[in-house]
Amino acid sequence: MEGKEEDVRLGANKFSERQPIGTAAQCQDKDYTEPPAAPLFEPEEIKSWSFWRAGIAEFMATFLFLYITILTVMGVNRSSKNLCATVGIQGIAWAFGGMIFALVYCTAGISGGHINPAVTFGMLLARKLSLTRALFYMVMQCLGAICGAGVVKGYQRTFYETNGGGANVVNPGYTKGDGLGAEIVGTFVLVYTVFSATDAKRSARDSHVPILAPLPIGFAVFLVHLATIPITGTGINPARSLGAAIIYNKAHAWHDHWIFWVGPFVGAGLAALYHQIVIRAIPFKSRP
């Protein structure tokens, strides 16, 4: 026993903790400089290929996102009479969360991997990108969503139209206020997770903690879907809601459609303000 204790003591001295964790880590000086805010208008970026490439990446990512997720929803509806033969709500939630994980991983280095106008709006408020780029992203995301839902409808038009088309509506038993609240809180969870997982200062400060940013983002989407599918079918993404509504195009799909724009944008705005003002305290930092 004495020999083992001596080995432990020597090992502890030889391999001391390289970096404190938790609160102590925040007190360490790090090589980090706050990046400048993106300009509101940046006409010159329109001339660059990287600008158009990023928009195309957002289009393709949102297209694939709608294709896989709406197809999953249709599969569950097809097997609704035999729940044992379907993946159920959990499977739908995994499809949404898993696709976000995969697509953010694929496109983060090209466009930032937003795949959601609400995320883009939050980033715009935080001055992470220009208004020019934000509007371009939102247009491409919506076009991609429309195309993705359209391909699913093309597989079996009649079944698609008789089973809701994956369109978001406030489900029976819930009020419009319930649906709006669910969308606001759900989007807040998503966008706050995006800010936290992609925070450059956190990466510099906590470099000893390995993190794969798409993982917590995808997991947040999964958890929000588990909670809010029974309420609204879970929007938290205006492009996803718009694409399904346009392709389905039934009256009741448009009755509550405003909720799936107002809710996500309010939730994203609150998340951006919370992260930038409370967590990062950007307005209170002295400028050099």
C-alpha atoms as a PDB file:
ATOM      1  CA  MET A   1       0.000   0.000   0.000  1.00  0.00           C
ATOM      2  CA  GLU A   2       2.820   2.399   0.866  1.00  0.00           C
ATOM      3  CA  GLY A   3       4.390   1.839  -2.557  1.00  0.00           C
ATOM      4  CA  LYS A   4       1.118   2.599  -4.312  1.00  0.00           C
ATOM      5  CA  GLU A   5       0.605   5.789  -2.302  1.00  0.00           C
ATOM      6  CA  GLU A   6       4.137   6.895  -3.229  1.00  0.00           C
ATOM      7  CA  ASP A   7       3.397   6.254  -6.909  1.00  0.00           C
ATOM      8  CA  VAL A   8       0.225   8.335  -6.657  1.00  0.00           C
ATOM      9  CA  ARG A   9       2.096  11.177  -4.947  1.00  0.00           C
ATOM     10  CA  LEU A  10       4.868  11.198  -7.539  1.00  0.00           C
ATOM     11  CA  GLY A  11       2.342  11.007 -10.363  1.00  0.00           C
ATOM     12  CA  ALA A  12       0.392  13.943  -8.992  1.00  0.00           C
ATOM     13  CA  ASN A  13       3.550  16.035  -8.793  1.00  0.00           C
ATOM     14  CA  LYS A  14       4.762  15.036 -12.235  1.00  0.00           C
ATOM     15  CA  PHE A  15       1.439  15.522 -14.012  1.00  0.00           C
ATOM     16  CA  SER A  16      -0.027  18.492 -12.210  1.00  0.00           C
ATOM     17  CA  GLU A  17      -3.269  20.063 -13.400  1.00  0.00           C
ATOM     18  CA  ARG A  18      -2.393  22.186 -16.371  1.00  0.00           C
ATOM     19  CA  GLN A  19      -5.323  24.532 -16.124  1.00  0.00           C
ATOM     20  CA  PRO A  20      -7.908  25.266 -13.453  1.00  0.00           C
ATOM     21  CA  ILE A  21     -11.522  24.644 -14.317  1.00  0.00           C
ATOM     22  CA  GLY A  22     -14.747  26.408 -13.461  1.00  0.00           C
ATOM     23  CA  THR A  23     -14.597  29.893 -11.971  1.00  0.00           C
ATOM     24  CA  ALA A  24     -10.835  29.772 -11.571  1.00  0.00           C
ATOM     25  CA  ALA A  25     -10.421  29.265 -15.305  1.00  0.00           C
ATOM     26  CA  GLN A  26     -12.213  32.540 -15.984  1.00  0.00           C
ATOM     27  CA  CYS A  27      -9.597  34.424 -14.002  1.00  0.00           C
ATOM     28  CA  GLN A  28      -6.774  33.268 -16.262  1.00  0.00           C
ATOM     29  CA  ASP A  29      -5.439  35.638 -18.901  1.00  0.00           C
ATOM     30  CA  LYS A  30      -6.236  34.266 -22.327  1.00  0.00           C
ATOM     31  CA  ASP A  31      -5.169  35.292 -25.799  1.00  0.00           C
ATOM     32  CA  TYR A  32      -8.609  36.517 -26.764  1.00  0.00           C
ATOM     33  CA  THR A  33      -9.685  39.724 -28.434  1.00  0.00           C
ATOM     34  CA  GLU A  34     -13.333  40.632 -28.898  1.00  0.00           C
ATOM     35  CA  PRO A  35     -13.997  40.586 -32.654  1.00  0.00           C
ATOM     36  CA  PRO A  36     -15.376  43.804 -34.161  1.00  0.00           C
ATOM     37  CA  ALA A  37     -19.099  43.969 -34.864  1.00  0.00           C
ATOM     38  CA  ALA A  38     -20.126  43.150 -38.405  1.00  0.00           C
ATOM     39  CA  PRO A  39     -21.162  46.206 -40.438  1.00  0.00           C
ATOM     40  CA  LEU A  40     -24.896  46.632 -40.924  1.00  0.00           C
ATOM     41  CA  PHE A  41     -24.496  46.938 -44.695  1.00  0.00           C
ATOM     42  CA  GLU A  42     -21.577  45.446 -46.566  1.00  0.00           C
ATOM     43  CA  PRO A  43     -22.258  45.770 -50.329  1.00  0.00           C
ATOM     44  CA  GLU A  44     -18.759  44.616 -51.234  1.00  0.00           C
ATOM     45  CA  GLU A  45     -19.354  41.090 -49.923  1.00  0.00           C
ATOM     46  CA  ILE A  46     -21.952  40.526 -52.635  1.00  0.00           C
ATOM     47  CA  LYS A  47     -19.082  40.468 -55.129  1.00  0.00           C
ATOM     48  CA  SER A  48     -17.299  37.615 -53.347  1.00  0.00           C
ATOM     49  CA  TRP A  49     -17.799  33.933 -54.155  1.00  0.00           C
ATOM     50  CA  SER A  50     -17.785  33.074 -50.443  1.00  0.00           C
ATOM     51  CA  PHE A  51     -21.006  35.076 -50.035  1.00  0.00           C
ATOM     52  CA  TRP A  52     -22.854  33.127 -52.720  1.00  0.00           C
ATOM     53  CA  ARG A  53     -21.305  29.828 -51.651  1.00  0.00           C
ATOM     54  CA  ALA A  54     -22.599  30.393 -48.112  1.00  0.00           C
ATOM     55  CA  GLY A  55     -26.109  31.065 -49.416  1.00  0.00           C
ATOM     56  CA  ILE A  56     -26.054  27.926 -51.546  1.00  0.00           C
ATOM     57  CA  ALA A  57     -24.896  25.951 -48.496  1.00  0.00           C
ATOM     58  CA  GLU A  58     -27.846  27.303 -46.494  1.00  0.00           C
ATOM     59  CA  PHE A  59     -30.222  26.373 -49.312  1.00  0.00           C
ATOM     60  CA  MET A  60     -28.913  22.810 -49.574  1.00  0.00           C
ATOM     61  CA  ALA A  61     -28.821  22.290 -45.818  1.00  0.00           C
ATOM     62  CA  THR A  62     -32.414  23.479 -45.362  1.00  0.00           C
ATOM     63  CA  PHE A  63     -33.527  21.427 -48.358  1.00  0.00           C
ATOM     64  CA  LEU A  64     -32.053  18.248 -46.860  1.00  0.00           C
ATOM     65  CA  PHE A  65     -33.396  19.156 -43.426  1.00  0.00           C
ATOM     66  CA  LEU A  66     -36.985  19.429 -44.671  1.00  0.00           C
ATOM     67  CA  TYR A  67     -36.673  16.380 -46.889  1.00  0.00           C
ATOM     68  CA  ILE A  68     -35.586  14.025 -44.098  1.00  0.00           C
ATOM     69  CA  THR A  69     -37.744  15.457 -41.321  1.00  0.00           C
ATOM     70  CA  ILE A  70     -41.009  15.817 -43.245  1.00  0.00           C
ATOM     71  CA  LEU A  71     -40.511  12.354 -44.710  1.00  0.00           C
ATOM     72  CA  THR A  72     -40.111  11.034 -41.160  1.00  0.00           C
ATOM     73  CA  VAL A  73     -43.321  12.784 -40.064  1.00  0.00           C
ATOM     74  CA  MET A  74     -45.183  11.276 -43.023  1.00  0.00           C
ATOM     75  CA  GLY A  75     -43.855   7.818 -42.154  1.00  0.00           C
ATOM     76  CA  VAL A  76     -45.145   8.134 -38.605  1.00  0.00           C
ATOM     77  CA  ASN A  77     -48.551   9.298 -39.853  1.00  0.00           C
ATOM     78  CA  ARG A  78     -48.712   6.384 -42.276  1.00  0.00           C
ATOM     79  CA  SER A  79     -48.213   3.891 -39.432  1.00  0.00           C
ATOM     80  CA  SER A  80     -50.379   5.740 -36.903  1.00  0.00           C
ATOM     81  CA  LYS A  81     -52.780   2.810 -36.574  1.00  0.00           C
ATOM     82  CA  ASN A  82     -49.946   0.603 -35.353  1.00  0.00           C
ATOM     83  CA  LEU A  83     -47.681   2.636 -33.081  1.00  0.00           C
ATOM     84  CA  CYS A  84     -45.347  -0.329 -32.667  1.00  0.00           C
ATOM     85  CA  ALA A  85     -44.519  -0.095 -36.362  1.00  0.00           C
ATOM     86  CA  THR A  86     -43.446   3.544 -36.211  1.00  0.00           C
ATOM     87  CA  VAL A  87     -40.686   5.565 -34.569  1.00  0.00           C
ATOM     88  CA  GLY A  88     -43.284   7.785 -32.867  1.00  0.00           C
ATOM     89  CA  ILE A  89     -42.709  11.255 -31.430  1.00  0.00           C
ATOM     90  CA  GLN A  90     -39.282  10.241 -30.147  1.00  0.00           C
ATOM     91  CA  GLY A  91     -38.226   9.237 -33.643  1.00  0.00           C
ATOM     92  CA  ILE A  92     -39.473  12.513 -35.116  1.00  0.00           C
ATOM     93  CA  ALA A  93     -37.554  14.436 -32.473  1.00  0.00           C
ATOM     94  CA  TRP A  94     -34.415  12.417 -33.232  1.00  0.00           C
ATOM     95  CA  ALA A  95     -34.821  13.078 -36.954  1.00  0.00           C
ATOM     96  CA  PHE A  96     -34.960  16.838 -36.409  1.00  0.00           C
ATOM     97  CA  GLY A  97     -32.154  16.903 -33.858  1.00  0.00           C
ATOM     98  CA  GLY A  98     -29.972  14.449 -35.749  1.00  0.00           C
ATOM     99  CA  MET A  99     -30.284  16.316 -39.028  1.00  0.00           C
ATOM    100  CA  ILE A 100     -29.377  19.606 -37.364  1.00  0.00           C
ATOM    101  CA  PHE A 101     -26.329  17.940 -35.811  1.00  0.00           C
ATOM    102  CA  ALA A 102     -25.196  16.547 -39.166  1.00  0.00           C
ATOM    103  CA  LEU A 103     -25.958  19.644 -41.234  1.00  0.00           C
ATOM    104  CA  VAL A 104     -24.433  22.145 -38.814  1.00  0.00           C
ATOM    105  CA  TYR A 105     -21.316  19.980 -38.767  1.00  0.00           C
ATOM    106  CA  CYS A 106     -21.196  20.014 -42.566  1.00  0.00           C
ATOM    107  CA  THR A 107     -21.912  23.708 -43.167  1.00  0.00           C
ATOM    108  CA  ALA A 108     -20.601  25.544 -40.105  1.00  0.00           C
ATOM    109  CA  GLY A 109     -17.291  26.283 -41.790  1.00  0.00           C
ATOM    110  CA  ILE A 110     -18.989  27.637 -44.912  1.00  0.00           C
ATOM    111  CA  SER A 111     -22.004  29.659 -43.810  1.00  0.00           C
ATOM    112  CA  GLY A 112     -22.074  29.242 -40.053  1.00  0.00           C
ATOM    113  CA  GLY A 113     -24.657  26.453 -40.353  1.00  0.00           C
ATOM    114  CA  HIS A 114     -27.731  28.503 -39.442  1.00  0.00           C
ATOM    115  CA  ILE A 115     -30.393  26.500 -41.371  1.00  0.00           C
ATOM    116  CA  ASN A 116     -32.986  28.643 -39.589  1.00  0.00           C
ATOM    117  CA  PRO A 117     -34.054  32.291 -40.072  1.00  0.00           C
ATOM    118  CA  ALA A 118     -34.477  32.627 -36.305  1.00  0.00           C
ATOM    119  CA  VAL A 119     -30.833  31.691 -35.724  1.00  0.00           C
ATOM    120  CA  THR A 120     -29.794  34.122 -38.463  1.00  0.00           C
ATOM    121  CA  PHE A 121     -31.904  36.845 -36.854  1.00  0.00           C
ATOM    122  CA  GLY A 122     -30.274  36.225 -33.474  1.00  0.00           C
ATOM    123  CA  MET A 123     -26.822  36.430 -35.040  1.00  0.00           C
ATOM    124  CA  LEU A 124     -27.809  39.658 -36.788  1.00  0.00           C
ATOM    125  CA  LEU A 125     -28.886  41.231 -33.502  1.00  0.00           C
ATOM    126  CA  ALA A 126     -25.556  40.201 -31.989  1.00  0.00           C
ATOM    127  CA  ARG A 127     -23.797  41.834 -34.960  1.00  0.00           C
ATOM    128  CA  LYS A 128     -22.212  38.555 -36.017  1.00  0.00           C
ATOM    129  CA  LEU A 129     -23.139  39.125 -39.657  1.00  0.00           C
ATOM    130  CA  SER A 130     -24.352  41.946 -41.873  1.00  0.00           C
ATOM    131  CA  LEU A 131     -27.971  42.685 -42.736  1.00  0.00           C
ATOM    132  CA  THR A 132     -27.141  41.941 -46.370  1.00  0.00           C
ATOM    133  CA  ARG A 133     -25.944  38.438 -45.544  1.00  0.00           C
ATOM    134  CA  ALA A 134     -28.760  37.827 -43.047  1.00  0.00           C
ATOM    135  CA  LEU A 135     -31.486  38.613 -45.596  1.00  0.00           C
ATOM    136  CA  PHE A 136     -29.752  36.483 -48.217  1.00  0.00           C
ATOM    137  CA  TYR A 137     -29.521  33.562 -45.803  1.00  0.00           C
ATOM    138  CA  MET A 138     -33.207  33.835 -44.881  1.00  0.00           C
ATOM    139  CA  VAL A 139     -34.314  33.836 -48.512  1.00  0.00           C
ATOM    140  CA  MET A 140     -32.153  30.822 -49.344  1.00  0.00           C
ATOM    141  CA  GLN A 141     -33.333  28.958 -46.238  1.00  0.00           C
ATOM    142  CA  CYS A 142     -36.977  29.482 -47.168  1.00  0.00           C
ATOM    143  CA  LEU A 143     -36.395  28.413 -50.771  1.00  0.00           C
ATOM    144  CA  GLY A 144     -34.569  25.303 -49.614  1.00  0.00           C
ATOM    145  CA  ALA A 145     -37.399  24.434 -47.228  1.00  0.00           C
ATOM    146  CA  ILE A 146     -40.023  24.811 -49.942  1.00  0.00           C
ATOM    147  CA  CYS A 147     -38.053  22.544 -52.291  1.00  0.00           C
ATOM    148  CA  GLY A 148     -37.447  19.937 -49.586  1.00  0.00           C
ATOM    149  CA  ALA A 149     -41.140  19.693 -48.673  1.00  0.00           C
ATOM    150  CA  GLY A 150     -42.040  19.665 -52.369  1.00  0.00           C
ATOM    151  CA  VAL A 151     -39.911  16.587 -53.033  1.00  0.00           C
ATOM    152  CA  VAL A 152     -41.625  14.742 -50.179  1.00  0.00           C
ATOM    153  CA  LYS A 153     -45.040  15.652 -51.580  1.00  0.00           C
ATOM    154  CA  GLY A 154     -43.934  14.344 -54.966  1.00  0.00           C
ATOM    155  CA  TYR A 155     -43.539  10.837 -53.564  1.00  0.00           C
ATOM    156  CA  GLN A 156     -47.211  10.403 -52.754  1.00  0.00           C
ATOM    157  CA  ARG A 157     -49.363  13.469 -53.275  1.00  0.00           C
ATOM    158  CA  THR A 158     -52.670  12.117 -51.970  1.00  0.00           C
ATOM    159  CA  PHE A 159     -51.243  10.704 -48.749  1.00  0.00           C
ATOM    160  CA  TYR A 160     -49.273  13.911 -48.172  1.00  0.00           C
ATOM    161  CA  GLU A 161     -52.356  16.098 -48.525  1.00  0.00           C
ATOM    162  CA  THR A 162     -54.562  13.919 -46.333  1.00  0.00           C
ATOM    163  CA  ASN A 163     -52.038  13.653 -43.493  1.00  0.00           C
ATOM    164  CA  GLY A 164     -51.156  17.246 -42.779  1.00  0.00           C
ATOM    165  CA  GLY A 165     -48.025  17.569 -44.906  1.00  0.00           C
ATOM    166  CA  GLY A 166     -45.913  18.150 -41.828  1.00  0.00           C
ATOM    167  CA  ALA A 167     -47.373  21.656 -41.516  1.00  0.00           C
ATOM    168  CA  ASN A 168     -47.237  23.341 -38.111  1.00  0.00           C
ATOM    169  CA  VAL A 169     -50.553  24.115 -36.423  1.00  0.00           C
ATOM    170  CA  VAL A 170     -51.656  24.698 -32.840  1.00  0.00           C
ATOM    171  CA  ASN A 171     -53.084  21.341 -31.824  1.00  0.00           C
ATOM    172  CA  PRO A 172     -56.581  20.925 -30.336  1.00  0.00           C
ATOM    173  CA  GLY A 173     -56.718  21.598 -26.611  1.00  0.00           C
ATOM    174  CA  TYR A 174     -54.187  24.436 -26.779  1.00  0.00           C
ATOM    175  CA  THR A 175     -54.755  28.140 -27.352  1.00  0.00           C
ATOM    176  CA  LYS A 176     -52.874  30.435 -29.696  1.00  0.00           C
ATOM    177  CA  GLY A 177     -51.193  31.879 -26.622  1.00  0.00           C
ATOM    178  CA  ASP A 178     -50.000  28.400 -25.651  1.00  0.00           C
ATOM    179  CA  GLY A 179     -48.572  27.881 -29.111  1.00  0.00           C
ATOM    180  CA  LEU A 180     -46.872  31.275 -29.157  1.00  0.00           C
ATOM    181  CA  GLY A 181     -45.342  30.702 -25.728  1.00  0.00           C
ATOM    182  CA  ALA A 182     -44.073  27.254 -26.733  1.00  0.00           C
ATOM    183  CA  GLU A 183     -42.440  28.680 -29.856  1.00  0.00           C
ATOM    184  CA  ILE A 184     -40.824  31.567 -27.968  1.00  0.00           C
ATOM    185  CA  VAL A 185     -39.352  29.391 -25.227  1.00  0.00           C
ATOM    186  CA  GLY A 186     -38.352  26.594 -27.612  1.00  0.00           C
ATOM    187  CA  THR A 187     -36.507  28.985 -29.913  1.00  0.00           C
ATOM    188  CA  PHE A 188     -34.874  30.677 -26.933  1.00  0.00           C
ATOM    189  CA  VAL A 189     -33.441  27.315 -25.878  1.00  0.00           C
ATOM    190  CA  LEU A 190     -32.136  26.645 -29.384  1.00  0.00           C
ATOM    191  CA  VAL A 191     -30.595  30.049 -30.067  1.00  0.00           C
ATOM    192  CA  TYR A 192     -29.096  30.363 -26.586  1.00  0.00           C
ATOM    193  CA  THR A 193     -27.463  26.978 -27.139  1.00  0.00           C
ATOM    194  CA  VAL A 194     -26.128  28.152 -30.498  1.00  0.00           C
ATOM    195  CA  PHE A 195     -24.568  31.247 -28.912  1.00  0.00           C
ATOM    196  CA  SER A 196     -23.040  29.254 -26.080  1.00  0.00           C
ATOM    197  CA  ALA A 197     -21.701  26.441 -28.266  1.00  0.00           C
ATOM    198  CA  THR A 198     -20.099  28.834 -30.764  1.00  0.00           C
ATOM    199  CA  ASP A 199     -18.818  31.457 -28.313  1.00  0.00           C
ATOM    200  CA  ALA A 200     -15.225  32.225 -29.330  1.00  0.00           C
ATOM    201  CA  LYS A 201     -14.333  33.502 -25.875  1.00  0.00           C
ATOM    202  CA  ARG A 202     -15.570  30.307 -24.283  1.00  0.00           C
ATOM    203  CA  SER A 203     -13.421  28.306 -26.694  1.00  0.00           C
ATOM    204  CA  ALA A 204     -10.366  30.349 -25.713  1.00  0.00           C
ATOM    205  CA  ARG A 205     -11.082  30.310 -21.986  1.00  0.00           C
ATOM    206  CA  ASP A 206     -12.126  26.686 -21.697  1.00  0.00           C
ATOM    207  CA  SER A 207      -9.808  25.233 -24.321  1.00  0.00           C
ATOM    208  CA  HIS A 208      -9.213  22.264 -22.038  1.00  0.00           C
ATOM    209  CA  VAL A 209     -12.869  21.256 -22.445  1.00  0.00           C
ATOM    210  CA  PRO A 210     -13.344  19.622 -25.864  1.00  0.00           C
ATOM    211  CA  ILE A 211     -16.694  20.498 -27.442  1.00  0.00           C
ATOM    212  CA  LEU A 212     -18.230  19.680 -30.767  1.00  0.00           C
ATOM    213  CA  ALA A 213     -20.577  22.624 -31.317  1.00  0.00           C
ATOM    214  CA  PRO A 214     -23.133  20.797 -33.529  1.00  0.00           C
ATOM    215  CA  LEU A 215     -23.748  18.219 -30.794  1.00  0.00           C
ATOM    216  CA  PRO A 216     -25.351  20.478 -28.143  1.00  0.00           C
ATOM    217  CA  ILE A 217     -27.220  22.359 -30.884  1.00  0.00           C
ATOM    218  CA  GLY A 218     -28.704  19.160 -32.295  1.00  0.00           C
ATOM    219  CA  PHE A 219     -29.498  17.878 -28.832  1.00  0.00           C
ATOM    220  CA  ALA A 220     -31.297  21.135 -27.985  1.00  0.00           C
ATOM    221  CA  VAL A 221     -33.455  20.707 -31.094  1.00  0.00           C
ATOM    222  CA  PHE A 222     -34.211  17.118 -30.072  1.00  0.00           C
ATOM    223  CA  LEU A 223     -35.285  18.096 -26.550  1.00  0.00           C
ATOM    224  CA  VAL A 224     -37.424  21.019 -27.694  1.00  0.00           C
ATOM    225  CA  HIS A 225     -39.231  18.730 -30.129  1.00  0.00           C
ATOM    226  CA  LEU A 226     -39.944  16.199 -27.402  1.00  0.00           C
ATOM    227  CA  ALA A 227     -41.532  18.954 -25.328  1.00  0.00           C
ATOM    228  CA  THR A 228     -43.499  20.872 -27.937  1.00  0.00           C
ATOM    229  CA  ILE A 229     -44.559  18.425 -30.662  1.00  0.00           C
ATOM    230  CA  PRO A 230     -47.840  17.845 -28.770  1.00  0.00           C
ATOM    231  CA  ILE A 231     -48.492  21.617 -28.732  1.00  0.00           C
ATOM    232  CA  THR A 232     -47.541  22.965 -32.159  1.00  0.00           C
ATOM    233  CA  GLY A 233     -45.744  20.142 -33.923  1.00  0.00           C
ATOM    234  CA  THR A 234     -42.657  22.234 -33.080  1.00  0.00           C
ATOM    235  CA  GLY A 235     -41.732  25.027 -35.424  1.00  0.00           C
ATOM    236  CA  ILE A 236     -38.827  27.015 -33.892  1.00  0.00           C
ATOM    237  CA  ASN A 237     -37.750  27.494 -37.513  1.00  0.00           C
ATOM    238  CA  PRO A 238     -39.794  29.849 -39.739  1.00  0.00           C
ATOM    239  CA  ALA A 239     -38.332  28.376 -42.924  1.00  0.00           C
ATOM    240  CA  ARG A 240     -39.394  24.866 -41.892  1.00  0.00           C
ATOM    241  CA  SER A 241     -42.920  26.104 -41.106  1.00  0.00           C
ATOM    242  CA  LEU A 242     -43.191  28.156 -44.310  1.00  0.00           C
ATOM    243  CA  GLY A 243     -41.940  25.384 -46.586  1.00  0.00           C
ATOM    244  CA  ALA A 244     -44.417  22.845 -45.213  1.00  0.00           C
ATOM    245  CA  ALA A 245     -47.304  25.355 -45.258  1.00  0.00           C
ATOM    246  CA  ILE A 246     -46.709  26.422 -48.879  1.00  0.00           C
ATOM    247  CA  ILE A 247     -46.460  22.871 -50.204  1.00  0.00           C
ATOM    248  CA  TYR A 248     -49.389  21.590 -48.115  1.00  0.00           C
ATOM    249  CA  ASN A 249     -51.376  24.791 -48.822  1.00  0.00           C
ATOM    250  CA  LYS A 250     -54.578  24.082 -46.897  1.00  0.00           C
ATOM    251  CA  ALA A 251     -56.511  26.816 -45.136  1.00  0.00           C
ATOM    252  CA  HIS A 252     -55.942  25.576 -41.592  1.00  0.00           C
ATOM    253  CA  ALA A 253     -52.178  25.499 -42.160  1.00  0.00           C
ATOM    254  CA  TRP A 254     -52.274  29.288 -42.535  1.00  0.00           C
ATOM    255  CA  HIS A 255     -54.615  30.101 -39.631  1.00  0.00           C
ATOM    256  CA  ASP A 256     -51.862  30.033 -37.024  1.00  0.00           C
ATOM    257  CA  HIS A 257     -48.902  30.531 -39.338  1.00  0.00           C
ATOM    258  CA  TRP A 258     -48.015  33.929 -37.859  1.00  0.00           C
ATOM    259  CA  ILE A 259     -47.186  32.155 -34.586  1.00  0.00           C
ATOM    260  CA  PHE A 260     -44.344  30.293 -36.293  1.00  0.00           C
ATOM    261  CA  TRP A 261     -42.725  33.552 -37.349  1.00  0.00           C
ATOM    262  CA  VAL A 262     -43.419  35.801 -34.377  1.00  0.00           C
ATOM    263  CA  GLY A 263     -42.585  33.147 -31.765  1.00  0.00           C
ATOM    264  CA  PRO A 264     -39.187  32.113 -33.176  1.00  0.00           C
ATOM    265  CA  PHE A 265     -38.095  35.689 -33.874  1.00  0.00           C
ATOM    266  CA  VAL A 266     -39.065  36.853 -30.378  1.00  0.00           C
ATOM    267  CA  GLY A 267     -37.348  33.835 -28.807  1.00  0.00           C
ATOM    268  CA  ALA A 268     -34.213  34.381 -30.894  1.00  0.00           C
ATOM    269  CA  GLY A 269     -34.145  38.068 -30.024  1.00  0.00           C
ATOM    270  CA  LEU A 270     -34.440  37.351 -26.306  1.00  0.00           C
ATOM    271  CA  ALA A 271     -31.684  34.728 -26.497  1.00  0.00           C
ATOM    272  CA  ALA A 272     -29.370  37.143 -28.324  1.00  0.00           C
ATOM    273  CA  LEU A 273     -29.998  39.906 -25.781  1.00  0.00           C
ATOM    274  CA  TYR A 274     -29.545  37.540 -22.840  1.00  0.00           C
ATOM    275  CA  HIS A 275     -26.273  36.135 -24.138  1.00  0.00           C
ATOM    276  CA  GLN A 276     -24.770  39.436 -25.261  1.00  0.00           C
ATOM    277  CA  ILE A 277     -25.900  41.618 -22.342  1.00  0.00           C
ATOM    278  CA  VAL A 278     -26.141  39.283 -19.347  1.00  0.00           C
ATOM    279  CA  ILE A 279     -23.709  36.464 -20.109  1.00  0.00           C
ATOM    280  CA  ARG A 280     -21.076  38.327 -22.106  1.00  0.00           C
ATOM    281  CA  ALA A 281     -21.814  41.861 -20.801  1.00  0.00           C
ATOM    282  CA  ILE A 282     -20.739  43.310 -24.150  1.00  0.00           C
ATOM    283  CA  PRO A 283     -22.291  46.789 -23.610  1.00  0.00           C
ATOM    284  CA  PHE A 284     -20.450  47.199 -20.310  1.00  0.00           C
ATOM    285  CA  LYS A 285     -16.962  46.394 -21.564  1.00  0.00           C
ATOM    286  CA  SER A 286     -14.576  49.270 -22.003  1.00  0.00           C
ATOM    287  CA  ARG A 287     -13.284  49.770 -25.517  1.00  0.00           C
ATOM    288  CA  PRO A 288      -9.526  50.277 -26.009  1.00  0.00           C
END
